[in-house]
Every structure is written in structure tokens, then in C-alpha cells.
PDB file of N, CA and C in Angstrom:
ATOM      1  N   UNK A   1       0.850  -1.158   0.068  1.00  0.00           N
ATOM      2  CA  UNK A   1       0.145  -0.034  -0.113  1.00  0.00           C
ATOM      3  C   UNK A   1       0.887   1.351  -0.029  1.00  0.00           C
ATOM      4  N   UNK A   2       0.572   2.266  -0.840  1.00  0.00           N
ATOM      5  CA  UNK A   2       1.125   3.276  -0.910  1.00  0.00           C
ATOM      6  C   UNK A   2       0.792   4.495  -0.074  1.00  0.00           C
ATOM      7  N   UNK A   3       1.625   5.324   0.370  1.00  0.00           N
ATOM      8  CA  UNK A   3       1.340   6.259   1.609  1.00  0.00           C
ATOM      9  C   UNK A   3       0.787   7.325   0.790  1.00  0.00           C
ATOM     10  N   UNK A   4      -0.296   7.977   1.194  1.00  0.00           N
ATOM     11  CA  UNK A   4      -1.424   8.889   0.673  1.00  0.00           C
ATOM     12  C   UNK A   4      -0.818  10.294   0.985  1.00  0.00           C
ATOM     13  N   UNK A   5      -0.841  11.449   0.023  1.00  0.00           N
ATOM     14  CA  UNK A   5      -0.383  12.856   0.514  1.00  0.00           C
ATOM     15  C   UNK A   5      -1.563  13.532   1.190  1.00  0.00           C
ATOM     16  N   UNK A   6      -0.852  14.226   2.239  1.00  0.00           N
ATOM     17  CA  UNK A   6      -1.665  14.797   3.237  1.00  0.00           C
ATOM     18  C   UNK A   6      -2.085  15.895   2.795  1.00  0.00           C
ATOM     19  N   UNK A   7      -3.236  15.761   1.998  1.00  0.00           N
ATOM     20  CA  UNK A   7      -4.160  17.060   1.489  1.00  0.00           C
ATOM     21  C   UNK A   7      -5.729  16.612   1.735  1.00  0.00           C
ATOM     22  N   UNK A   8      -6.145  17.374   2.349  1.00  0.00           N
ATOM     23  CA  UNK A   8      -7.796  17.026   2.297  1.00  0.00           C
ATOM     24  C   UNK A   8      -7.904  16.233   3.555  1.00  0.00           C
ATOM     25  N   UNK A   9      -9.140  15.741   4.018  1.00  0.00           N
ATOM     26  CA  UNK A   9      -9.223  15.043   5.204  1.00  0.00           C
ATOM     27  C   UNK A   9      -9.692  13.478   4.839  1.00  0.00           C
ATOM     28  N   UNK A  10      -9.215  12.393   5.554  1.00  0.00           N
ATOM     29  CA  UNK A  10      -9.723  11.331   5.774  1.00  0.00           C
ATOM     30  C   UNK A  10     -10.837  10.933   6.541  1.00  0.00           C
ATOM     31  N   UNK A  11     -11.843  10.151   6.086  1.00  0.00           N
ATOM     32  CA  UNK A  11     -13.103   9.655   6.736  1.00  0.00           C
ATOM     33  C   UNK A  11     -13.983  11.004   6.934  1.00  0.00           C
ATOM     34  N   UNK A  12     -13.934  11.989   6.174  1.00  0.00           N
ATOM     35  CA  UNK A  12     -14.889  12.745   6.433  1.00  0.00           C
ATOM     36  C   UNK A  12     -16.232  12.789   5.423  1.00  0.00           C
ATOM     37  N   UNK A  13     -17.409  12.490   5.579  1.00  0.00           N
ATOM     38  CA  UNK A  13     -18.406  12.078   4.875  1.00  0.00           C
ATOM     39  C   UNK A  13     -18.885  13.419   4.177  1.00  0.00           C
ATOM     40  N   UNK A  14     -18.893  13.155   2.729  1.00  0.00           N
ATOM     41  CA  UNK A  14     -19.510  13.791   1.654  1.00  0.00           C
ATOM     42  C   UNK A  14     -20.761  13.468   0.971  1.00  0.00           C
ATOM     43  N   UNK A  15     -21.825  14.328   0.927  1.00  0.00           N
ATOM     44  CA  UNK A  15     -22.776  13.535   0.218  1.00  0.00           C
ATOM     45  C   UNK A  15     -22.738  14.494  -0.800  1.00  0.00           C
ATOM     46  N   UNK A  16     -23.008  13.981  -2.350  1.00  0.00           N
ATOM     47  CA  UNK A  16     -23.281  14.682  -3.231  1.00  0.00           C
ATOM     48  C   UNK A  16     -24.783  14.328  -3.776  1.00  0.00           C
ATOM     49  N   UNK A  17     -25.295  15.307  -4.190  1.00  0.00           N
ATOM     50  CA  UNK A  17     -26.783  15.260  -4.547  1.00  0.00           C
ATOM     51  C   UNK A  17     -26.949  15.349  -6.237  1.00  0.00           C
ATOM     52  N   UNK A  18     -27.900  14.637  -6.637  1.00  0.00           N
ATOM     53  CA  UNK A  18     -28.051  14.966  -8.382  1.00  0.00           C
ATOM     54  C   UNK A  18     -29.476  14.742  -8.765  1.00  0.00           C
ATOM     55  N   UNK A  19     -30.055  15.294  -9.595  1.00  0.00           N
ATOM     56  CA  UNK A  19     -31.517  15.271 -10.233  1.00  0.00           C
ATOM     57  C   UNK A  19     -31.253  14.536 -11.308  1.00  0.00           C
ATOM     58  N   UNK A  20     -32.142  13.501 -11.514  1.00  0.00           N
ATOM     59  CA  UNK A  20     -32.850  12.777 -12.769  1.00  0.00           C
ATOM     60  C   UNK A  20     -33.224  13.484 -13.444  1.00  0.00           C
ATOM     61  N   UNK A  21     -33.208  13.126 -14.844  1.00  0.00           N
ATOM     62  CA  UNK A  21     -33.548  13.818 -15.947  1.00  0.00           C
ATOM     63  C   UNK A  21     -35.243  13.764 -16.087  1.00  0.00           C
ATOM     64  N   UNK A  22     -35.827  12.751 -15.304  1.00  0.00           N
ATOM     65  CA  UNK A  22     -37.106  12.429 -15.449  1.00  0.00           C
ATOM     66  C   UNK A  22     -37.409  11.743 -14.205  1.00  0.00           C
ATOM     67  N   UNK A  23     -38.869  11.475 -13.897  1.00  0.00           N
ATOM     68  CA  UNK A  23     -39.245  10.572 -12.759  1.00  0.00           C
ATOM     69  C   UNK A  23     -39.760   9.410 -13.293  1.00  0.00           C
ATOM     70  N   UNK A  24     -39.433   8.591 -12.231  1.00  0.00           N
ATOM     71  CA  UNK A  24     -39.736   6.801 -12.377  1.00  0.00           C
ATOM     72  C   UNK A  24     -40.645   6.345 -11.675  1.00  0.00           C
ATOM     73  N   UNK A  25     -41.325   5.477 -12.286  1.00  0.00           N
ATOM     74  CA  UNK A  25     -42.645   4.885 -11.483  1.00  0.00           C
ATOM     75  C   UNK A  25     -42.181   4.075 -10.088  1.00  0.00           C
ATOM     76  N   UNK A  26     -40.730   3.582 -10.475  1.00  0.00           N
ATOM     77  CA  UNK A  26     -40.143   2.737  -9.293  1.00  0.00           C
ATOM     78  C   UNK A  26     -38.767   3.362  -9.239  1.00  0.00           C
ATOM     79  N   UNK A  27     -38.489   4.244  -8.511  1.00  0.00           N
ATOM     80  CA  UNK A  27     -37.397   5.170  -8.473  1.00  0.00           C
ATOM     81  C   UNK A  27     -36.233   4.430  -8.110  1.00  0.00           C
ATOM     82  N   UNK A  28     -36.201   3.375  -7.057  1.00  0.00           N
ATOM     83  CA  UNK A  28     -35.518   2.455  -6.445  1.00  0.00           C
ATOM     84  C   UNK A  28     -34.916   1.533  -7.488  1.00  0.00           C
ATOM     85  N   UNK A  29     -35.620   0.748  -8.396  1.00  0.00           N
ATOM     86  CA  UNK A  29     -35.550  -0.115  -9.300  1.00  0.00           C
ATOM     87  C   UNK A  29     -35.270   0.377 -10.768  1.00  0.00           C
ATOM     88  N   UNK A  30     -35.933   1.522 -11.026  1.00  0.00           N
ATOM     89  CA  UNK A  30     -35.668   1.546 -12.335  1.00  0.00           C
ATOM     90  C   UNK A  30     -34.506   2.870 -12.753  1.00  0.00           C
ATOM     91  N   UNK A  31     -33.869   3.463 -11.680  1.00  0.00           N
ATOM     92  CA  UNK A  31     -33.031   4.215 -11.902  1.00  0.00           C
ATOM     93  C   UNK A  31     -31.727   3.763 -11.201  1.00  0.00           C
ATOM     94  N   UNK A  32     -30.593   3.291 -11.672  1.00  0.00           N
ATOM     95  CA  UNK A  32     -29.207   2.850 -11.180  1.00  0.00           C
ATOM     96  C   UNK A  32     -28.270   3.930 -11.207  1.00  0.00           C
ATOM     97  N   UNK A  33     -27.695   4.159 -10.466  1.00  0.00           N
ATOM     98  CA  UNK A  33     -26.564   5.236 -10.632  1.00  0.00           C
ATOM     99  C   UNK A  33     -25.393   4.934  -9.647  1.00  0.00           C
ATOM    100  N   UNK A  34     -24.184   4.944 -10.013  1.00  0.00           N
ATOM    101  CA  UNK A  34     -23.200   4.613  -9.282  1.00  0.00           C
ATOM    102  C   UNK A  34     -22.061   5.922  -9.625  1.00  0.00           C
ATOM    103  N   UNK A  35     -21.331   6.185  -8.652  1.00  0.00           N
ATOM    104  CA  UNK A  35     -20.310   7.263  -8.647  1.00  0.00           C
ATOM    105  C   UNK A  35     -18.761   6.302  -8.515  1.00  0.00           C
ATOM    106  N   UNK A  36     -17.663   6.746  -9.093  1.00  0.00           N
ATOM    107  CA  UNK A  36     -16.469   6.268  -9.334  1.00  0.00           C
ATOM    108  C   UNK A  36     -15.645   7.304  -8.594  1.00  0.00           C
ATOM    109  N   UNK A  37     -14.985   7.148  -7.590  1.00  0.00           N
ATOM    110  CA  UNK A  37     -14.162   7.754  -6.972  1.00  0.00           C
ATOM    111  C   UNK A  37     -12.433   7.440  -7.130  1.00  0.00           C
ATOM    112  N   UNK A  38     -11.749   8.244  -7.454  1.00  0.00           N
ATOM    113  CA  UNK A  38     -10.326   7.971  -7.894  1.00  0.00           C
ATOM    114  C   UNK A  38      -9.520   8.677  -6.958  1.00  0.00           C
ATOM    115  N   UNK A  39      -8.762   8.212  -6.259  1.00  0.00           N
ATOM    116  CA  UNK A  39      -7.958   8.589  -5.295  1.00  0.00           C
ATOM    117  C   UNK A  39      -6.510   8.925  -5.460  1.00  0.00           C
ATOM    118  N   UNK A  40      -5.802   9.598  -4.419  1.00  0.00           N
ATOM    119  CA  UNK A  40      -4.585  10.315  -4.803  1.00  0.00           C
ATOM    120  C   UNK A  40      -3.343   9.245  -5.282  1.00  0.00           C
ATOM    121  N   UNK A  41      -3.541   8.023  -4.887  1.00  0.00           N
ATOM    122  CA  UNK A  41      -2.613   7.100  -4.882  1.00  0.00           C
ATOM    123  C   UNK A  41      -3.045   6.051  -5.673  1.00  0.00           C
ATOM    124  N   UNK A  42      -4.232   6.236  -6.662  1.00  0.00           N
ATOM    125  CA  UNK A  42      -4.745   5.204  -7.428  1.00  0.00           C
ATOM    126  C   UNK A  42      -6.021   4.372  -7.036  1.00  0.00           C
ATOM    127  N   UNK A  43      -6.474   4.475  -5.849  1.00  0.00           N
ATOM    128  CA  UNK A  43      -7.509   4.062  -5.351  1.00  0.00           C
ATOM    129  C   UNK A  43      -8.763   4.241  -6.180  1.00  0.00           C
ATOM    130  N   UNK A  44      -9.496   3.038  -6.329  1.00  0.00           N
ATOM    131  CA  UNK A  44     -10.886   3.490  -7.116  1.00  0.00           C
ATOM    132  C   UNK A  44     -11.953   2.769  -6.168  1.00  0.00           C
ATOM    133  N   UNK A  45     -12.939   3.623  -5.880  1.00  0.00           N
ATOM    134  CA  UNK A  45     -13.919   3.231  -5.019  1.00  0.00           C
ATOM    135  C   UNK A  45     -15.478   3.293  -5.611  1.00  0.00           C
ATOM    136  N   UNK A  46     -16.172   2.387  -5.921  1.00  0.00           N
ATOM    137  CA  UNK A  46     -17.396   2.503  -6.467  1.00  0.00           C
ATOM    138  C   UNK A  46     -18.656   2.604  -5.481  1.00  0.00           C
ATOM    139  N   UNK A  47     -19.294   3.796  -5.479  1.00  0.00           N
ATOM    140  CA  UNK A  47     -20.493   3.710  -4.517  1.00  0.00           C
ATOM    141  C   UNK A  47     -21.855   4.082  -5.142  1.00  0.00           C
ATOM    142  N   UNK A  48     -22.562   3.303  -4.723  1.00  0.00           N
ATOM    143  CA  UNK A  48     -23.989   3.322  -5.513  1.00  0.00           C
ATOM    144  C   UNK A  48     -25.024   4.734  -5.031  1.00  0.00           C
ATOM    145  N   UNK A  49     -25.719   5.097  -5.752  1.00  0.00           N
ATOM    146  CA  UNK A  49     -26.477   6.419  -5.527  1.00  0.00           C
ATOM    147  C   UNK A  49     -27.863   5.813  -4.885  1.00  0.00           C
ATOM    148  N   UNK A  50     -28.456   6.580  -3.919  1.00  0.00           N
ATOM    149  CA  UNK A  50     -29.643   6.248  -3.242  1.00  0.00           C
ATOM    150  C   UNK A  50     -30.638   7.350  -3.463  1.00  0.00           C
ATOM    151  N   UNK A  51     -32.009   6.822  -3.838  1.00  0.00           N
ATOM    152  CA  UNK A  51     -32.834   7.743  -3.868  1.00  0.00           C
ATOM    153  C   UNK A  51     -33.476   8.410  -2.728  1.00  0.00           C
ATOM    154  N   UNK A  52     -33.550   9.691  -3.017  1.00  0.00           N
ATOM    155  CA  UNK A  52     -33.585  10.828  -1.800  1.00  0.00           C
ATOM    156  C   UNK A  52     -35.047  11.524  -2.110  1.00  0.00           C
ATOM    157  N   UNK A  53     -35.942  11.070  -2.796  1.00  0.00           N
ATOM    158  CA  UNK A  53     -37.427  11.561  -2.919  1.00  0.00           C
ATOM    159  C   UNK A  53     -37.285  12.455  -4.207  1.00  0.00           C
ATOM    160  N   UNK A  54     -38.583  12.310  -5.134  1.00  0.00           N
ATOM    161  CA  UNK A  54     -38.933  12.956  -6.148  1.00  0.00           C
ATOM    162  C   UNK A  54     -37.731  12.658  -7.229  1.00  0.00           C
ATOM    163  N   UNK A  55     -36.901  13.390  -7.774  1.00  0.00           N
ATOM    164  CA  UNK A  55     -35.988  13.079  -8.701  1.00  0.00           C
ATOM    165  C   UNK A  55     -34.340  13.218  -8.331  1.00  0.00           C
ATOM    166  N   UNK A  56     -34.531  13.303  -7.052  1.00  0.00           N
ATOM    167  CA  UNK A  56     -33.084  13.813  -6.138  1.00  0.00           C
ATOM    168  C   UNK A  56     -32.703  12.158  -5.844  1.00  0.00           C
ATOM    169  N   UNK A  57     -31.352  12.261  -6.000  1.00  0.00           N
ATOM    170  CA  UNK A  57     -30.251  10.925  -5.667  1.00  0.00           C
ATOM    171  C   UNK A  57     -29.119  11.571  -5.422  1.00  0.00           C
ATOM    172  N   UNK A  58     -28.747  10.828  -4.127  1.00  0.00           N
ATOM    173  CA  UNK A  58     -27.521  11.215  -3.567  1.00  0.00           C
ATOM    174  C   UNK A  58     -26.298   9.853  -3.610  1.00  0.00           C
ATOM    175  N   UNK A  59     -25.114  10.312  -3.492  1.00  0.00           N
ATOM    176  CA  UNK A  59     -24.050   9.190  -3.183  1.00  0.00           C
ATOM    177  C   UNK A  59     -23.112   9.764  -2.039  1.00  0.00           C
ATOM    178  N   UNK A  60     -23.090   8.957  -0.888  1.00  0.00           N
ATOM    179  CA  UNK A  60     -22.347   9.324   0.286  1.00  0.00           C
ATOM    180  C   UNK A  60     -21.009   8.726   0.010  1.00  0.00           C
ATOM    181  N   UNK A  61     -19.679   9.439   0.686  1.00  0.00           N
ATOM    182  CA  UNK A  61     -18.726   9.020   0.251  1.00  0.00           C
ATOM    183  C   UNK A  61     -17.578   9.627   1.458  1.00  0.00           C
ATOM    184  N   UNK A  62     -16.653   8.787   2.096  1.00  0.00           N
ATOM    185  CA  UNK A  62     -15.992   9.226   2.897  1.00  0.00           C
ATOM    186  C   UNK A  62     -14.338   8.607   2.352  1.00  0.00           C
ATOM    187  N   UNK A  63     -13.599   9.372   2.037  1.00  0.00           N
ATOM    188  CA  UNK A  63     -12.280   9.169   1.642  1.00  0.00           C
ATOM    189  C   UNK A  63     -11.413   8.400   2.686  1.00  0.00           C
ATOM    190  N   UNK A  64     -10.953   7.126   2.260  1.00  0.00           N
ATOM    191  CA  UNK A  64     -10.393   6.285   3.324  1.00  0.00           C
ATOM    192  C   UNK A  64      -8.729   7.006   3.566  1.00  0.00           C
ATOM    193  N   UNK A  65      -8.368   7.791   2.829  1.00  0.00           N
ATOM    194  CA  UNK A  65      -6.984   8.304   3.112  1.00  0.00           C
ATOM    195  C   UNK A  65      -7.044   9.791   2.331  1.00  0.00           C
ATOM    196  N   UNK A  66      -6.317  10.710   3.247  1.00  0.00           N
ATOM    197  CA  UNK A  66      -6.173  12.105   2.865  1.00  0.00           C
ATOM    198  C   UNK A  66      -5.753  12.335   1.377  1.00  0.00           C
ATOM    199  N   UNK A  67      -5.825  13.577   0.963  1.00  0.00           N
ATOM    200  CA  UNK A  67      -5.537  13.869  -0.483  1.00  0.00           C
ATOM    201  C   UNK A  67      -6.652  14.261  -1.524  1.00  0.00           C
ATOM    202  N   UNK A  68      -6.292  14.533  -2.698  1.00  0.00           N
ATOM    203  CA  UNK A  68      -7.524  15.082  -3.704  1.00  0.00           C
ATOM    204  C   UNK A  68      -7.835  13.800  -4.423  1.00  0.00           C
ATOM    205  N   UNK A  69      -9.336  13.858  -4.359  1.00  0.00           N
ATOM    206  CA  UNK A  69     -10.090  12.953  -5.053  1.00  0.00           C
ATOM    207  C   UNK A  69     -10.674  13.403  -5.968  1.00  0.00           C
ATOM    208  N   UNK A  70     -11.201  12.582  -6.959  1.00  0.00           N
ATOM    209  CA  UNK A  70     -11.956  12.956  -8.360  1.00  0.00           C
ATOM    210  C   UNK A  70     -13.098  11.824  -8.309  1.00  0.00           C
ATOM    211  N   UNK A  71     -14.086  12.390  -8.873  1.00  0.00           N
ATOM    212  CA  UNK A  71     -15.272  11.679  -9.099  1.00  0.00           C
ATOM    213  C   UNK A  71     -16.225  11.575 -10.768  1.00  0.00           C
ATOM    214  N   UNK A  72     -16.563  10.726 -11.059  1.00  0.00           N
ATOM    215  CA  UNK A  72     -17.563  10.517 -12.090  1.00  0.00           C
ATOM    216  C   UNK A  72     -18.759   9.587 -12.072  1.00  0.00           C
ATOM    217  N   UNK A  73     -19.783  10.077 -12.809  1.00  0.00           N
ATOM    218  CA  UNK A  73     -20.970   9.222 -12.640  1.00  0.00           C
ATOM    219  C   UNK A  73     -20.880   8.249 -13.607  1.00  0.00           C
TER     220      UNK A  73
END
């Protein structure tokens, strides 16, 4: 395992919120969203989104090490 740079905070939860393009009859089963997080040492963590009501979906993430993290849906 590589050491991660000491930038940013580890284990601090972040919740990203998104709006779906439309509504679904069954938003939990009909809409699957995943976020892919890439860490400063090459880590890759994939997290599923959860339905938060209406057309809003969220992804909860806490980086396991300090440093710059990027994400894509």
C-alpha cells in the first residue's frame, strides 16, 4: 500500500446530490446510478446512489485517505 499525500481530510463524509432527467414509477429499481471515486494513490471506489425523494439521488462517500479525490458518474 502506498502512502497518500496529506491534503484534504480522511474519513470525512461528503454527500453529493443529483437530479434525474425525469421521474420513474419505481425510482429505486428503475434508476441505477453509481459514482466512481479515484484517489491520490490510484485507489478506485465505486459507490451506489440512493433515492432521496422526487427526482433527487445522492451518493455518500468518505475518503479512506487524505488527498485529492476526483469522481465521475
